[in-house]
Amino acid sequence: MSTVHPIAFTIINPTAASVISLFFWVLLLAAFVVETWAFIHAIIQPASAFTAAGKQTKPLWLVILGVAFVIGVGGAVGYLALLSLFPIIAFVAAAIYLVDVRPKIKQVRSSGQRQGPYGPW
């Protein structure tokens, strides 16, 4: 008579596997939202704001974020696993845009407004 080791039981436990799968799918969905936000933001910005901010051109960012968006769609619908390299690269590209490029573009676009003593007017 053989006994099953408790660790082996938890590894093949289908409930634990489904909870982990759900967790990773939620992470992929969150990454997809970030990638979509970055792509839409890049679309609505004028091309001159990218060069005025000293960043790469708008067409280059649209290609990078467009590919990230497509990869994000693949991850959100379940065609790509979170631990594969493509969803991670796509999320990093969108995060770089949102953390580095977006604030510079926002700063360039707001510097053209008239400033009063208490803010823009």
C-alpha atoms as a PDB file:
ATOM      1  CA  MET A   1       0.000   0.000   0.000  1.00  0.00           C
ATOM      2  CA  SER A   2       1.481   3.329  -1.020  1.00  0.00           C
ATOM      3  CA  THR A   3       0.643   6.679   0.448  1.00  0.00           C
ATOM      4  CA  VAL A   4       0.462   9.916  -1.514  1.00  0.00           C
ATOM      5  CA  HIS A   5       2.784  12.633  -0.336  1.00  0.00           C
ATOM      6  CA  PRO A   6       0.859  15.810   0.725  1.00  0.00           C
ATOM      7  CA  ILE A   7       2.945  18.043  -1.554  1.00  0.00           C
ATOM      8  CA  ALA A   8       2.181  15.873  -4.565  1.00  0.00           C
ATOM      9  CA  PHE A   9      -1.517  16.117  -3.741  1.00  0.00           C
ATOM     10  CA  THR A  10      -1.489  19.906  -3.675  1.00  0.00           C
ATOM     11  CA  ILE A  11       0.341  20.072  -7.002  1.00  0.00           C
ATOM     12  CA  ILE A  12      -2.268  17.965  -8.777  1.00  0.00           C
ATOM     13  CA  ASN A  13      -5.221  19.442  -6.910  1.00  0.00           C
ATOM     14  CA  PRO A  14      -7.515  20.803  -9.659  1.00  0.00           C
ATOM     15  CA  THR A  15      -9.001  23.483  -7.432  1.00  0.00           C
ATOM     16  CA  ALA A  16      -5.592  24.959  -6.678  1.00  0.00           C
ATOM     17  CA  ALA A  17      -4.693  24.859 -10.359  1.00  0.00           C
ATOM     18  CA  SER A  18      -7.878  26.699 -11.319  1.00  0.00           C
ATOM     19  CA  VAL A  19      -7.297  29.375  -8.671  1.00  0.00           C
ATOM     20  CA  ILE A  20      -3.762  29.913  -9.926  1.00  0.00           C
ATOM     21  CA  SER A  21      -4.979  30.031 -13.520  1.00  0.00           C
ATOM     22  CA  LEU A  22      -7.611  32.598 -12.552  1.00  0.00           C
ATOM     23  CA  PHE A  23      -4.994  34.696 -10.764  1.00  0.00           C
ATOM     24  CA  PHE A  24      -2.712  34.722 -13.807  1.00  0.00           C
ATOM     25  CA  TRP A  25      -5.638  35.521 -16.109  1.00  0.00           C
ATOM     26  CA  VAL A  26      -6.519  38.520 -13.906  1.00  0.00           C
ATOM     27  CA  LEU A  27      -2.891  39.672 -14.183  1.00  0.00           C
ATOM     28  CA  LEU A  28      -3.054  39.327 -17.972  1.00  0.00           C
ATOM     29  CA  LEU A  29      -6.322  41.270 -18.017  1.00  0.00           C
ATOM     30  CA  ALA A  30      -4.804  44.060 -15.915  1.00  0.00           C
ATOM     31  CA  ALA A  31      -1.802  44.193 -18.254  1.00  0.00           C
ATOM     32  CA  PHE A  32      -4.196  44.410 -21.208  1.00  0.00           C
ATOM     33  CA  VAL A  33      -5.943  47.417 -19.610  1.00  0.00           C
ATOM     34  CA  VAL A  34      -2.585  49.162 -19.132  1.00  0.00           C
ATOM     35  CA  GLU A  35      -1.546  48.403 -22.724  1.00  0.00           C
ATOM     36  CA  THR A  36      -4.883  49.668 -24.061  1.00  0.00           C
ATOM     37  CA  TRP A  37      -4.625  52.875 -22.019  1.00  0.00           C
ATOM     38  CA  ALA A  38      -1.119  53.561 -23.312  1.00  0.00           C
ATOM     39  CA  PHE A  39      -2.092  52.841 -26.934  1.00  0.00           C
ATOM     40  CA  ILE A  40      -5.187  55.073 -26.846  1.00  0.00           C
ATOM     41  CA  HIS A  41      -3.235  57.866 -25.168  1.00  0.00           C
ATOM     42  CA  ALA A  42      -0.565  57.706 -27.864  1.00  0.00           C
ATOM     43  CA  ILE A  43      -3.209  57.794 -30.601  1.00  0.00           C
ATOM     44  CA  ILE A  44      -4.873  60.992 -29.369  1.00  0.00           C
ATOM     45  CA  GLN A  45      -1.654  62.957 -28.818  1.00  0.00           C
ATOM     46  CA  PRO A  46      -0.317  65.218 -31.593  1.00  0.00           C
ATOM     47  CA  ALA A  47       2.859  64.068 -33.329  1.00  0.00           C
ATOM     48  CA  SER A  48       4.614  67.339 -32.547  1.00  0.00           C
ATOM     49  CA  ALA A  49       4.287  66.714 -28.799  1.00  0.00           C
ATOM     50  CA  PHE A  50       6.514  63.633 -29.021  1.00  0.00           C
ATOM     51  CA  THR A  51       9.380  65.447 -30.704  1.00  0.00           C
ATOM     52  CA  ALA A  52       8.917  68.546 -28.517  1.00  0.00           C
ATOM     53  CA  ALA A  53       9.218  66.312 -25.450  1.00  0.00           C
ATOM     54  CA  GLY A  54      12.475  64.883 -26.788  1.00  0.00           C
ATOM     55  CA  LYS A  55      11.087  61.356 -27.110  1.00  0.00           C
ATOM     56  CA  GLN A  56      10.807  58.924 -30.017  1.00  0.00           C
ATOM     57  CA  THR A  57       8.405  59.803 -32.822  1.00  0.00           C
ATOM     58  CA  LYS A  58       4.677  59.135 -32.632  1.00  0.00           C
ATOM     59  CA  PRO A  59       4.686  56.503 -35.426  1.00  0.00           C
ATOM     60  CA  LEU A  60       7.354  54.501 -33.603  1.00  0.00           C
ATOM     61  CA  TRP A  61       5.413  54.597 -30.341  1.00  0.00           C
ATOM     62  CA  LEU A  62       2.226  53.636 -32.171  1.00  0.00           C
ATOM     63  CA  VAL A  63       3.947  50.575 -33.646  1.00  0.00           C
ATOM     64  CA  ILE A  64       5.414  49.562 -30.274  1.00  0.00           C
ATOM     65  CA  LEU A  65       2.155  50.087 -28.397  1.00  0.00           C
ATOM     66  CA  GLY A  66       0.066  48.575 -31.187  1.00  0.00           C
ATOM     67  CA  VAL A  67       2.078  45.368 -31.027  1.00  0.00           C
ATOM     68  CA  ALA A  68       1.797  45.469 -27.217  1.00  0.00           C
ATOM     69  CA  PHE A  69      -1.979  45.888 -27.571  1.00  0.00           C
ATOM     70  CA  VAL A  70      -2.280  42.884 -29.892  1.00  0.00           C
ATOM     71  CA  ILE A  71      -0.185  40.777 -27.525  1.00  0.00           C
ATOM     72  CA  GLY A  72      -2.375  42.010 -24.661  1.00  0.00           C
ATOM     73  CA  VAL A  73      -5.498  40.893 -26.521  1.00  0.00           C
ATOM     74  CA  GLY A  74      -3.902  37.475 -26.999  1.00  0.00           C
ATOM     75  CA  GLY A  75      -3.167  37.253 -23.297  1.00  0.00           C
ATOM     76  CA  ALA A  76      -6.592  38.483 -22.214  1.00  0.00           C
ATOM     77  CA  VAL A  77      -8.455  35.924 -24.323  1.00  0.00           C
ATOM     78  CA  GLY A  78      -6.153  33.125 -23.200  1.00  0.00           C
ATOM     79  CA  TYR A  79      -3.931  32.483 -26.220  1.00  0.00           C
ATOM     80  CA  LEU A  80      -0.735  33.547 -24.447  1.00  0.00           C
ATOM     81  CA  ALA A  81       0.452  32.483 -21.020  1.00  0.00           C
ATOM     82  CA  LEU A  82       1.568  35.118 -18.534  1.00  0.00           C
ATOM     83  CA  LEU A  83       4.933  33.500 -18.050  1.00  0.00           C
ATOM     84  CA  SER A  84       5.779  33.558 -21.744  1.00  0.00           C
ATOM     85  CA  LEU A  85       8.083  36.381 -22.742  1.00  0.00           C
ATOM     86  CA  PHE A  86       5.748  38.340 -25.041  1.00  0.00           C
ATOM     87  CA  PRO A  87       3.125  39.512 -22.492  1.00  0.00           C
ATOM     88  CA  ILE A  88       5.887  40.629 -20.144  1.00  0.00           C
ATOM     89  CA  ILE A  89       7.652  42.628 -22.875  1.00  0.00           C
ATOM     90  CA  ALA A  90       4.343  44.150 -23.983  1.00  0.00           C
ATOM     91  CA  PHE A  91       3.522  45.268 -20.451  1.00  0.00           C
ATOM     92  CA  VAL A  92       7.002  46.744 -19.958  1.00  0.00           C
ATOM     93  CA  ALA A  93       6.688  48.729 -23.212  1.00  0.00           C
ATOM     94  CA  ALA A  94       3.325  50.161 -22.137  1.00  0.00           C
ATOM     95  CA  ALA A  95       4.638  50.917 -18.653  1.00  0.00           C
ATOM     96  CA  ILE A  96       7.649  52.751 -20.069  1.00  0.00           C
ATOM     97  CA  TYR A  97       5.350  54.855 -22.219  1.00  0.00           C
ATOM     98  CA  LEU A  98       3.040  55.694 -19.314  1.00  0.00           C
ATOM     99  CA  VAL A  99       5.808  56.411 -16.817  1.00  0.00           C
ATOM    100  CA  ASP A 100       8.314  58.208 -19.039  1.00  0.00           C
ATOM    101  CA  VAL A 101       6.745  59.516 -22.244  1.00  0.00           C
ATOM    102  CA  ARG A 102       3.238  60.425 -21.084  1.00  0.00           C
ATOM    103  CA  PRO A 103       4.344  62.887 -18.340  1.00  0.00           C
ATOM    104  CA  LYS A 104       6.749  64.626 -20.749  1.00  0.00           C
ATOM    105  CA  ILE A 105       4.024  64.999 -23.371  1.00  0.00           C
ATOM    106  CA  LYS A 106       1.630  66.279 -20.727  1.00  0.00           C
ATOM    107  CA  GLN A 107       4.235  68.797 -19.592  1.00  0.00           C
ATOM    108  CA  VAL A 108       4.889  69.995 -23.167  1.00  0.00           C
ATOM    109  CA  ARG A 109       1.178  70.329 -23.907  1.00  0.00           C
ATOM    110  CA  SER A 110       0.432  72.235 -20.699  1.00  0.00           C
ATOM    111  CA  SER A 111       3.379  74.618 -21.045  1.00  0.00           C
ATOM    112  CA  GLY A 112       1.667  76.322 -23.985  1.00  0.00           C
ATOM    113  CA  GLN A 113      -1.262  77.443 -21.816  1.00  0.00           C
ATOM    114  CA  ARG A 114      -1.373  80.822 -20.166  1.00  0.00           C
ATOM    115  CA  GLN A 115      -0.526  80.669 -16.512  1.00  0.00           C
ATOM    116  CA  GLY A 116      -2.019  82.896 -13.865  1.00  0.00           C
ATOM    117  CA  PRO A 117      -0.979  83.194 -10.218  1.00  0.00           C
ATOM    118  CA  TYR A 118      -3.245  80.265  -9.273  1.00  0.00           C
ATOM    119  CA  GLY A 119      -2.830  78.047 -12.347  1.00  0.00           C
ATOM    120  CA  PRO A 120      -3.904  78.085 -15.988  1.00  0.00           C
ATOM    121  CA  TRP A 121      -6.546  80.532 -17.205  1.00  0.00           C
END
